[in-house]
C-alpha atoms as a PDB file:
ATOM      1  CA  MET A   1      91.975 -96.330 -24.065  1.00  0.00           C
ATOM      2  CA  LEU A   2      91.025 -93.000 -25.623  1.00  0.00           C
ATOM      3  CA  LEU A   3      90.645 -94.567 -29.071  1.00  0.00           C
ATOM      4  CA  ARG A   4      88.470 -97.252 -27.584  1.00  0.00           C
ATOM      5  CA  LEU A   5      86.144 -94.618 -26.142  1.00  0.00           C
ATOM      6  CA  LEU A   6      86.064 -92.732 -29.420  1.00  0.00           C
ATOM      7  CA  PHE A   7      85.147 -95.815 -31.404  1.00  0.00           C
ATOM      8  CA  ALA A   8      82.613 -97.160 -28.885  1.00  0.00           C
ATOM      9  CA  PRO A   9      79.565 -95.795 -30.790  1.00  0.00           C
ATOM     10  CA  VAL A  10      80.801 -97.326 -34.046  1.00  0.00           C
ATOM     11  CA  THR A  11      81.528-100.626 -32.327  1.00  0.00           C
ATOM     12  CA  GLY A  12      78.050-100.613 -30.770  1.00  0.00           C
ATOM     13  CA  ILE A  13      76.332 -99.914 -34.080  1.00  0.00           C
ATOM     14  CA  THR A  14      78.370-102.652 -35.755  1.00  0.00           C
ATOM     15  CA  TRP A  15      77.368-105.101 -33.032  1.00  0.00           C
ATOM     16  CA  ILE A  16      73.680-104.165 -33.398  1.00  0.00           C
ATOM     17  CA  ALA A  17      73.877-104.579 -37.173  1.00  0.00           C
ATOM     18  CA  GLY A  18      75.408-108.020 -36.703  1.00  0.00           C
ATOM     19  CA  GLN A  19      72.627-109.040 -34.321  1.00  0.00           C
ATOM     20  CA  LEU A  20      69.975-107.860 -36.773  1.00  0.00           C
ATOM     21  CA  GLN A  21      71.633-109.786 -39.600  1.00  0.00           C
ATOM     22  CA  GLU A  22      71.717-112.976 -37.512  1.00  0.00           C
ATOM     23  CA  ARG A  23      68.029-112.585 -36.706  1.00  0.00           C
ATOM     24  CA  VAL A  24      67.105-112.016 -40.346  1.00  0.00           C
ATOM     25  CA  ASP A  25      69.139-115.058 -41.392  1.00  0.00           C
ATOM     26  CA  SER A  26      67.506-117.278 -38.781  1.00  0.00           C
ATOM     27  CA  GLU A  27      64.035-116.034 -39.759  1.00  0.00           C
ATOM     28  CA  MET A  28      64.760-116.702 -43.420  1.00  0.00           C
ATOM     29  CA  ASN A  29      65.806-120.237 -42.527  1.00  0.00           C
ATOM     30  CA  VAL A  30      62.580-120.725 -40.581  1.00  0.00           C
ATOM     31  CA  LYS A  31      60.547-119.327 -43.466  1.00  0.00           C
ATOM     32  CA  GLU A  32      62.332-121.573 -45.975  1.00  0.00           C
ATOM     33  CA  ASN A  33      61.700-124.612 -43.764  1.00  0.00           C
ATOM     34  CA  LEU A  34      58.001-123.752 -43.479  1.00  0.00           C
ATOM     35  CA  GLN A  35      57.772-123.393 -47.258  1.00  0.00           C
ATOM     36  CA  LYS A  36      59.495-126.763 -47.707  1.00  0.00           C
ATOM     37  CA  GLN A  37      57.056-128.356 -45.253  1.00  0.00           C
ATOM     38  CA  LEU A  38      54.172-126.852 -47.192  1.00  0.00           C
ATOM     39  CA  LEU A  39      55.534-128.239 -50.453  1.00  0.00           C
ATOM     40  CA  ALA A  40      56.046-131.682 -48.913  1.00  0.00           C
ATOM     41  CA  LEU A  41      52.502-131.593 -47.564  1.00  0.00           C
ATOM     42  CA  GLN A  42      51.150-130.665 -51.000  1.00  0.00           C
ATOM     43  CA  LEU A  43      53.068-133.525 -52.605  1.00  0.00           C
ATOM     44  CA  ALA A  44      51.818-135.995 -50.003  1.00  0.00           C
ATOM     45  CA  PHE A  45      48.253-134.823 -50.584  1.00  0.00           C
ATOM     46  CA  ASP A  46      48.636-135.065 -54.366  1.00  0.00           C
ATOM     47  CA  MET A  47      49.905-138.630 -53.999  1.00  0.00           C
ATOM     48  CA  GLY A  48      46.964-139.541 -51.766  1.00  0.00           C
ATOM     49  CA  ASP A  49      49.036-140.083 -48.624  1.00  0.00           C
ATOM     50  CA  VAL A  50      47.257-137.351 -46.652  1.00  0.00           C
ATOM     51  CA  PRO A  51      43.460-137.043 -46.362  1.00  0.00           C
ATOM     52  CA  GLU A  52      41.932-133.760 -47.504  1.00  0.00           C
ATOM     53  CA  ALA A  53      40.776-132.682 -44.037  1.00  0.00           C
ATOM     54  CA  GLU A  54      44.237-133.229 -42.556  1.00  0.00           C
ATOM     55  CA  PHE A  55      45.842-131.469 -45.520  1.00  0.00           C
ATOM     56  CA  GLU A  56      43.632-128.409 -45.127  1.00  0.00           C
ATOM     57  CA  GLU A  57      44.309-128.214 -41.387  1.00  0.00           C
ATOM     58  CA  GLN A  58      48.094-128.517 -41.742  1.00  0.00           C
ATOM     59  CA  GLU A  59      48.171-126.188 -44.749  1.00  0.00           C
ATOM     60  CA  GLU A  60      46.315-123.494 -42.816  1.00  0.00           C
ATOM     61  CA  GLU A  61      48.735-123.802 -39.867  1.00  0.00           C
ATOM     62  CA  LEU A  62      51.782-123.513 -42.121  1.00  0.00           C
ATOM     63  CA  LEU A  63      50.355-120.592 -44.083  1.00  0.00           C
ATOM     64  CA  LEU A  64      49.516-118.750 -40.854  1.00  0.00           C
ATOM     65  CA  GLU A  65      53.066-119.247 -39.555  1.00  0.00           C
ATOM     66  CA  ILE A  66      54.519-117.975 -42.839  1.00  0.00           C
ATOM     67  CA  GLN A  67      52.184-114.961 -42.719  1.00  0.00           C
ATOM     68  CA  GLU A  68      53.239-114.179 -39.138  1.00  0.00           C
ATOM     69  CA  LEU A  69      56.897-114.221 -40.150  1.00  0.00           C
ATOM     70  CA  GLU A  70      56.206-111.943 -43.117  1.00  0.00           C
ATOM     71  CA  ASP A  71      54.245-109.539 -40.899  1.00  0.00           C
ATOM     72  CA  LEU A  72      57.127-109.469 -38.418  1.00  0.00           C
ATOM     73  CA  GLU A  73      59.594-108.772 -41.229  1.00  0.00           C
ATOM     74  CA  ASN A  74      57.417-105.898 -42.477  1.00  0.00           C
ATOM     75  CA  LEU A  75      57.202-104.386 -38.976  1.00  0.00           C
ATOM     76  CA  GLU A  76      60.971-104.585 -38.582  1.00  0.00           C
ATOM     77  CA  GLN A  77      61.502-102.917 -41.955  1.00  0.00           C
ATOM     78  CA  GLN A  78      59.107-100.127 -41.014  1.00  0.00           C
ATOM     79  CA  ALA A  79      60.872 -99.641 -37.674  1.00  0.00           C
ATOM     80  CA  GLU A  80      64.248 -99.426 -39.415  1.00  0.00           C
ATOM     81  CA  ALA A  81      62.901 -96.891 -41.912  1.00  0.00           C
ATOM     82  CA  GLU A  82      61.756 -94.565 -39.129  1.00  0.00           C
END
């Protein structure tokens, strides 16, 4: 019981680190999926399967989502540095 109380701060920090790692991993997967969607869209446009107007609209949406994720990552890194 006493050891458990002594190690509680370490256990808590370890748990927080694990949660942060899971979040980073899930965000990286989301970012990778968005980049794959963007590549697939580009290929479809190059092959003539997607009209230019539709391509531009979908490309802008995907790029904005990727930018939002990158901005969030930067904010988290700044918060960790402080």
